[in-house]
C-alpha atoms as a PDB file:
ATOM      1  CA  MET A   1       4.302-113.332 -39.303  1.00  0.00           C
ATOM      2  CA  ALA A   2       4.818-109.607 -39.634  1.00  0.00           C
ATOM      3  CA  VAL A   3       4.898-107.639 -36.436  1.00  0.00           C
ATOM      4  CA  THR A   4       3.613-104.113 -36.487  1.00  0.00           C
ATOM      5  CA  MET A   5       5.373-101.814 -34.039  1.00  0.00           C
ATOM      6  CA  ALA A   6       3.242 -99.145 -32.434  1.00  0.00           C
ATOM      7  CA  PRO A   7       4.605 -95.662 -33.077  1.00  0.00           C
ATOM      8  CA  LYS A   8       6.496 -94.214 -30.119  1.00  0.00           C
ATOM      9  CA  ALA A   9       4.461 -91.604 -28.372  1.00  0.00           C
ATOM     10  CA  SER A  10       6.059 -88.178 -28.461  1.00  0.00           C
ATOM     11  CA  ALA A  11       6.416 -86.160 -25.305  1.00  0.00           C
ATOM     12  CA  SER A  12       3.673 -83.672 -24.674  1.00  0.00           C
ATOM     13  CA  PRO A  13       4.485 -79.936 -24.652  1.00  0.00           C
ATOM     14  CA  PHE A  14       3.899 -79.997 -20.896  1.00  0.00           C
ATOM     15  CA  SER A  15       6.400 -82.842 -20.411  1.00  0.00           C
ATOM     16  CA  ARG A  16       8.998 -81.089 -22.544  1.00  0.00           C
ATOM     17  CA  LYS A  17       8.528 -77.911 -20.516  1.00  0.00           C
ATOM     18  CA  ILE A  18       8.989 -79.765 -17.232  1.00  0.00           C
ATOM     19  CA  SER A  19      12.092 -81.521 -18.577  1.00  0.00           C
ATOM     20  CA  THR A  20      13.568 -78.195 -19.701  1.00  0.00           C
ATOM     21  CA  ALA A  21      12.836 -76.663 -16.303  1.00  0.00           C
ATOM     22  CA  PHE A  22      14.590 -79.506 -14.483  1.00  0.00           C
ATOM     23  CA  SER A  23      17.577 -79.260 -16.828  1.00  0.00           C
ATOM     24  CA  TYR A  24      17.800 -75.523 -16.158  1.00  0.00           C
ATOM     25  CA  CYS A  25      17.591 -76.003 -12.387  1.00  0.00           C
ATOM     26  CA  ASN A  26      20.240 -78.719 -12.470  1.00  0.00           C
ATOM     27  CA  LEU A  27      22.521 -76.490 -14.545  1.00  0.00           C
ATOM     28  CA  CYS A  28      22.032 -73.502 -12.235  1.00  0.00           C
ATOM     29  CA  GLY A  29      22.610 -75.709  -9.210  1.00  0.00           C
ATOM     30  CA  PHE A  30      25.792 -77.153 -10.710  1.00  0.00           C
ATOM     31  CA  SER A  31      27.105 -73.654 -11.489  1.00  0.00           C
ATOM     32  CA  LEU A  32      26.270 -72.442  -8.011  1.00  0.00           C
ATOM     33  CA  ILE A  33      27.889 -75.455  -6.327  1.00  0.00           C
ATOM     34  CA  ARG A  34      31.064 -74.893  -8.345  1.00  0.00           C
ATOM     35  CA  MET A  35      31.043 -71.225  -7.365  1.00  0.00           C
ATOM     36  CA  MET A  36      30.520 -72.042  -3.686  1.00  0.00           C
ATOM     37  CA  SER A  37      33.553 -74.282  -3.653  1.00  0.00           C
ATOM     38  CA  ASP A  38      35.858 -71.346  -4.452  1.00  0.00           C
ATOM     39  CA  TYR A  39      33.872 -68.217  -3.531  1.00  0.00           C
ATOM     40  CA  ASN A  40      31.610 -66.884  -0.820  1.00  0.00           C
ATOM     41  CA  VAL A  41      28.146 -67.034  -2.388  1.00  0.00           C
ATOM     42  CA  GLU A  42      24.968 -65.570  -0.919  1.00  0.00           C
ATOM     43  CA  THR A  43      21.729 -66.726  -2.507  1.00  0.00           C
ATOM     44  CA  ILE A  44      18.845 -64.266  -2.858  1.00  0.00           C
ATOM     45  CA  ASN A  45      15.320 -65.370  -1.933  1.00  0.00           C
ATOM     46  CA  ASP A  46      16.609 -68.953  -1.628  1.00  0.00           C
ATOM     47  CA  GLY A  47      16.738 -69.244  -5.409  1.00  0.00           C
ATOM     48  CA  LEU A  48      19.392 -70.579  -7.733  1.00  0.00           C
ATOM     49  CA  ASN A  49      19.170 -67.941 -10.423  1.00  0.00           C
ATOM     50  CA  GLU A  50      20.002 -64.849  -8.367  1.00  0.00           C
ATOM     51  CA  PHE A  51      22.853 -64.500  -5.888  1.00  0.00           C
ATOM     52  CA  ASN A  52      25.770 -62.362  -4.702  1.00  0.00           C
ATOM     53  CA  VAL A  53      29.410 -63.379  -4.999  1.00  0.00           C
ATOM     54  CA  GLU A  54      32.339 -61.982  -3.021  1.00  0.00           C
ATOM     55  CA  PHE A  55      34.998 -60.855  -5.482  1.00  0.00           C
ATOM     56  CA  HIS A  56      38.538 -59.712  -4.664  1.00  0.00           C
ATOM     57  CA  GLY A  57      40.517 -57.319  -6.834  1.00  0.00           C
ATOM     58  CA  PRO A  58      43.225 -59.030  -8.887  1.00  0.00           C
ATOM     59  CA  LYS A  59      46.744 -59.085  -7.522  1.00  0.00           C
ATOM     60  CA  GLU A  60      49.308 -56.600  -8.844  1.00  0.00           C
ATOM     61  CA  SER A  61      46.539 -54.265 -10.011  1.00  0.00           C
ATOM     62  CA  LEU A  62      45.185 -50.933  -8.785  1.00  0.00           C
ATOM     63  CA  TYR A  63      42.272 -52.867  -7.296  1.00  0.00           C
ATOM     64  CA  GLU A  64      44.349 -55.281  -5.226  1.00  0.00           C
ATOM     65  CA  GLY A  65      43.033 -55.392  -1.675  1.00  0.00           C
ATOM     66  CA  GLY A  66      39.535 -54.323  -2.699  1.00  0.00           C
ATOM     67  CA  VAL A  67      36.534 -56.551  -2.001  1.00  0.00           C
ATOM     68  CA  TRP A  68      33.280 -56.264  -3.934  1.00  0.00           C
ATOM     69  CA  LYS A  69      29.896 -57.882  -3.777  1.00  0.00           C
ATOM     70  CA  ILE A  70      28.884 -58.889  -7.313  1.00  0.00           C
ATOM     71  CA  ARG A  71      25.215 -59.384  -8.097  1.00  0.00           C
ATOM     72  CA  VAL A  72      24.600 -62.290 -10.501  1.00  0.00           C
ATOM     73  CA  GLU A  73      21.320 -63.001 -12.255  1.00  0.00           C
ATOM     74  CA  LEU A  74      21.000 -66.061 -14.480  1.00  0.00           C
ATOM     75  CA  PRO A  75      18.416 -65.704 -17.269  1.00  0.00           C
ATOM     76  CA  ASP A  76      16.000 -68.481 -18.199  1.00  0.00           C
ATOM     77  CA  ALA A  77      18.086 -69.231 -21.296  1.00  0.00           C
ATOM     78  CA  TYR A  78      21.397 -69.582 -19.396  1.00  0.00           C
ATOM     79  CA  PRO A  79      23.979 -70.724 -20.488  1.00  0.00           C
ATOM     80  CA  TYR A  80      22.847 -69.840 -24.016  1.00  0.00           C
ATOM     81  CA  LYS A  81      22.244 -66.303 -22.803  1.00  0.00           C
ATOM     82  CA  SER A  82      24.801 -64.454 -20.714  1.00  0.00           C
ATOM     83  CA  PRO A  83      24.333 -63.779 -16.987  1.00  0.00           C
ATOM     84  CA  SER A  84      23.677 -60.273 -15.722  1.00  0.00           C
ATOM     85  CA  ILE A  85      26.640 -59.002 -13.692  1.00  0.00           C
ATOM     86  CA  GLY A  86      26.814 -55.880 -11.520  1.00  0.00           C
ATOM     87  CA  PHE A  87      28.926 -54.377  -8.720  1.00  0.00           C
ATOM     88  CA  VAL A  88      26.905 -53.729  -5.557  1.00  0.00           C
ATOM     89  CA  ASN A  89      29.423 -51.546  -3.719  1.00  0.00           C
ATOM     90  CA  LYS A  90      31.128 -48.715  -5.570  1.00  0.00           C
ATOM     91  CA  ILE A  91      34.150 -49.009  -7.842  1.00  0.00           C
ATOM     92  CA  PHE A  92      35.897 -46.323  -9.892  1.00  0.00           C
ATOM     93  CA  HIS A  93      36.399 -47.819 -13.342  1.00  0.00           C
ATOM     94  CA  PRO A  94      35.726 -46.585 -16.909  1.00  0.00           C
ATOM     95  CA  ASN A  95      33.661 -49.660 -17.793  1.00  0.00           C
ATOM     96  CA  VAL A  96      31.500 -49.859 -14.665  1.00  0.00           C
ATOM     97  CA  ASP A  97      28.580 -47.502 -14.112  1.00  0.00           C
ATOM     98  CA  GLU A  98      29.174 -45.809 -10.762  1.00  0.00           C
ATOM     99  CA  LEU A  99      25.486 -45.565  -9.829  1.00  0.00           C
ATOM    100  CA  SER A 100      24.029 -48.868 -11.055  1.00  0.00           C
ATOM    101  CA  GLY A 101      27.173 -51.034 -10.961  1.00  0.00           C
ATOM    102  CA  SER A 102      26.449 -52.292 -14.488  1.00  0.00           C
ATOM    103  CA  VAL A 103      29.441 -53.719 -16.339  1.00  0.00           C
ATOM    104  CA  CYS A 104      30.415 -52.984 -19.928  1.00  0.00           C
ATOM    105  CA  LEU A 105      32.190 -56.162 -21.013  1.00  0.00           C
ATOM    106  CA  ASP A 106      31.945 -57.454 -24.577  1.00  0.00           C
ATOM    107  CA  VAL A 107      32.361 -61.112 -23.672  1.00  0.00           C
ATOM    108  CA  ILE A 108      29.303 -60.869 -21.410  1.00  0.00           C
ATOM    109  CA  ASN A 109      27.176 -58.402 -23.353  1.00  0.00           C
ATOM    110  CA  GLN A 110      27.907 -59.408 -26.963  1.00  0.00           C
ATOM    111  CA  SER A 111      30.166 -62.392 -27.532  1.00  0.00           C
ATOM    112  CA  TRP A 112      28.946 -64.738 -24.804  1.00  0.00           C
ATOM    113  CA  SER A 113      29.067 -68.452 -25.602  1.00  0.00           C
ATOM    114  CA  PRO A 114      27.452 -71.428 -23.825  1.00  0.00           C
ATOM    115  CA  MET A 115      31.010 -72.747 -23.570  1.00  0.00           C
ATOM    116  CA  PHE A 116      31.603 -70.157 -20.833  1.00  0.00           C
ATOM    117  CA  ASP A 117      30.488 -70.495 -17.225  1.00  0.00           C
ATOM    118  CA  LEU A 118      30.489 -68.417 -14.047  1.00  0.00           C
ATOM    119  CA  LEU A 119      34.018 -69.420 -13.140  1.00  0.00           C
ATOM    120  CA  ASN A 120      35.179 -67.851 -16.412  1.00  0.00           C
ATOM    121  CA  VAL A 121      33.426 -64.653 -15.375  1.00  0.00           C
ATOM    122  CA  PHE A 122      35.091 -64.439 -11.963  1.00  0.00           C
ATOM    123  CA  GLU A 123      38.479 -65.947 -12.744  1.00  0.00           C
ATOM    124  CA  VAL A 124      39.106 -64.461 -16.196  1.00  0.00           C
ATOM    125  CA  PHE A 125      36.662 -61.851 -17.492  1.00  0.00           C
ATOM    126  CA  LEU A 126      36.296 -59.586 -14.438  1.00  0.00           C
ATOM    127  CA  PRO A 127      39.990 -59.678 -13.450  1.00  0.00           C
ATOM    128  CA  GLN A 128      40.977 -58.769 -17.010  1.00  0.00           C
ATOM    129  CA  LEU A 129      38.448 -55.937 -17.022  1.00  0.00           C
ATOM    130  CA  LEU A 130      39.993 -54.441 -13.887  1.00  0.00           C
ATOM    131  CA  ILE A 131      43.551 -54.892 -15.111  1.00  0.00           C
ATOM    132  CA  TYR A 132      42.909 -53.620 -18.653  1.00  0.00           C
ATOM    133  CA  PRO A 133      40.186 -50.925 -18.574  1.00  0.00           C
ATOM    134  CA  ASN A 134      38.886 -49.685 -21.931  1.00  0.00           C
ATOM    135  CA  ALA A 135      38.510 -45.911 -21.811  1.00  0.00           C
ATOM    136  CA  SER A 136      37.254 -45.774 -25.417  1.00  0.00           C
ATOM    137  CA  ASP A 137      33.971 -47.522 -24.524  1.00  0.00           C
ATOM    138  CA  PRO A 138      33.059 -46.129 -21.096  1.00  0.00           C
ATOM    139  CA  LEU A 139      30.098 -46.407 -18.783  1.00  0.00           C
ATOM    140  CA  ASN A 140      31.772 -43.979 -16.392  1.00  0.00           C
ATOM    141  CA  GLY A 141      32.788 -40.987 -18.503  1.00  0.00           C
ATOM    142  CA  ASP A 142      34.554 -39.226 -15.627  1.00  0.00           C
ATOM    143  CA  ALA A 143      36.780 -42.229 -14.951  1.00  0.00           C
ATOM    144  CA  ALA A 144      37.577 -42.666 -18.650  1.00  0.00           C
ATOM    145  CA  SER A 145      38.392 -38.975 -19.091  1.00  0.00           C
ATOM    146  CA  LEU A 146      40.604 -38.868 -16.000  1.00  0.00           C
ATOM    147  CA  MET A 147      42.403 -42.041 -17.064  1.00  0.00           C
ATOM    148  CA  MET A 148      43.297 -40.525 -20.437  1.00  0.00           C
ATOM    149  CA  LYS A 149      44.172 -37.041 -19.181  1.00  0.00           C
ATOM    150  CA  ASP A 150      45.892 -37.666 -15.859  1.00  0.00           C
ATOM    151  CA  LYS A 151      46.827 -41.295 -15.208  1.00  0.00           C
ATOM    152  CA  GLU A 152      48.484 -40.518 -11.881  1.00  0.00           C
ATOM    153  CA  GLN A 153      45.377 -38.823 -10.507  1.00  0.00           C
ATOM    154  CA  TYR A 154      43.230 -41.628 -11.929  1.00  0.00           C
ATOM    155  CA  ASP A 155      45.330 -44.247 -10.124  1.00  0.00           C
ATOM    156  CA  GLN A 156      45.004 -42.302  -6.887  1.00  0.00           C
ATOM    157  CA  LYS A 157      41.215 -42.049  -7.189  1.00  0.00           C
ATOM    158  CA  VAL A 158      40.895 -45.780  -7.895  1.00  0.00           C
ATOM    159  CA  LYS A 159      42.791 -46.515  -4.685  1.00  0.00           C
ATOM    160  CA  GLU A 160      40.712 -43.973  -2.749  1.00  0.00           C
ATOM    161  CA  TYR A 161      37.508 -45.734  -3.858  1.00  0.00           C
ATOM    162  CA  CYS A 162      38.975 -49.075  -2.811  1.00  0.00           C
ATOM    163  CA  GLU A 163      39.700 -47.716   0.656  1.00  0.00           C
ATOM    164  CA  ARG A 164      36.370 -45.957   0.982  1.00  0.00           C
ATOM    165  CA  TYR A 165      33.948 -48.459  -0.548  1.00  0.00           C
ATOM    166  CA  ALA A 166      35.659 -51.812  -1.101  1.00  0.00           C
ATOM    167  CA  LYS A 167      36.671 -53.239   2.224  1.00  0.00           C
ATOM    168  CA  LYS A 168      35.280 -56.334   3.895  1.00  0.00           C
ATOM    169  CA  GLU A 169      33.029 -54.308   6.177  1.00  0.00           C
ATOM    170  CA  HIS A 170      31.496 -52.507   3.197  1.00  0.00           C
ATOM    171  CA  ILE A 171      30.152 -55.639   1.548  1.00  0.00           C
ATOM    172  CA  MET A 172      28.359 -56.532   4.765  1.00  0.00           C
ATOM    173  CA  ASN A 173      26.061 -53.597   3.976  1.00  0.00           C
ATOM    174  CA  SER A 174      23.905 -53.367   0.882  1.00  0.00           C
ATOM    175  CA  THR A 175      26.023 -50.758  -0.901  1.00  0.00           C
ATOM    176  CA  GLY A 176      28.905 -49.792   1.362  1.00  0.00           C
ATOM    177  CA  GLU A 177      27.823 -46.155   0.916  1.00  0.00           C
ATOM    178  CA  GLU A 178      25.801 -45.562   4.067  1.00  0.00           C
ATOM    179  CA  GLU A 179      28.734 -45.895   6.405  1.00  0.00           C
ATOM    180  CA  SER A 180      30.937 -43.621   4.303  1.00  0.00           C
ATOM    181  CA  ASP A 181      28.182 -41.042   3.914  1.00  0.00           C
ATOM    182  CA  GLU A 182      27.667 -41.023   7.678  1.00  0.00           C
ATOM    183  CA  GLU A 183      31.385 -40.557   8.208  1.00  0.00           C
ATOM    184  CA  ASP A 184      31.433 -37.650   5.753  1.00  0.00           C
ATOM    185  CA  LEU A 185      28.432 -36.074   7.475  1.00  0.00           C
ATOM    186  CA  SER A 186      30.053 -36.559  10.876  1.00  0.00           C
ATOM    187  CA  ASP A 187      33.273 -34.935   9.650  1.00  0.00           C
ATOM    188  CA  GLU A 188      31.371 -31.985   8.209  1.00  0.00           C
ATOM    189  CA  GLU A 189      29.387 -31.524  11.425  1.00  0.00           C
ATOM    190  CA  SER A 190      32.597 -31.714  13.453  1.00  0.00           C
ATOM    191  CA  GLU A 191      34.279 -29.093  11.275  1.00  0.00           C
ATOM    192  CA  SER A 192      31.210 -26.871  11.493  1.00  0.00           C
ATOM    193  CA  SER A 193      31.160 -27.234  15.282  1.00  0.00           C
ATOM    194  CA  ASP A 194      34.864 -26.359  15.516  1.00  0.00           C
ATOM    195  CA  GLU A 195      34.313 -23.246  13.415  1.00  0.00           C
ATOM    196  CA  GLU A 196      31.387 -22.158  15.600  1.00  0.00           C
ATOM    197  CA  ASP A 197      33.476 -22.684  18.766  1.00  0.00           C
ATOM    198  CA  GLU A 198      36.300 -20.676  17.246  1.00  0.00           C
ATOM    199  CA  ILE A 199      33.940 -17.835  16.347  1.00  0.00           C
ATOM    200  CA  ALA A 200      32.414 -17.894  19.815  1.00  0.00           C
ATOM    201  CA  GLY A 201      35.849 -17.791  21.383  1.00  0.00           C
ATOM    202  CA  HIS A 202      36.701 -14.593  19.510  1.00  0.00           C
ATOM    203  CA  ALA A 203      33.384 -12.870  20.225  1.00  0.00           C
ATOM    204  CA  ASP A 204      33.564  -9.327  21.542  1.00  0.00           C
ATOM    205  CA  PRO A 205      32.954  -9.045  25.297  1.00  0.00           C
END
């Protein structure tokens, strides 16, 4: 006797959407867990797609000793679409926008592959960017120009930024700028006060 098999019901669009959402959450969670095992990670709004990562400058580079907070945003299409990466506290580098912290890195912006993950970003891509800056494709024109015209002064300014904006205490704040700005203001007020005292001391009787 012939047996007729009922056709297998296909998943509804709603079911496929839920399945995709769970897969995305699992993938984000897996990436975040792997990051947490090697890095200090701070989630934002208790979500898995937006967080900050503590990043240390690579050894034997101008940025050695610097500590930065890196903002990471994972798009809905991750890992098929690259994450958004940005420096929160300041860094002086031709390929990092000084105001927004945006990063100009081909492997993230153009040639990203789902074969890559966040560990590649923090263990390979960012360290290489800091060690081998590309002055021909800058986001910070001043840094690129100084690097090409006066390498010694460029090196000095990189180290000054590391001291001023990229220490452990700076990443505890949102940008690391407020404390430095207050120090600058305090210094200026102190100098102004000294000048006024000096003028007063030489006033005619």
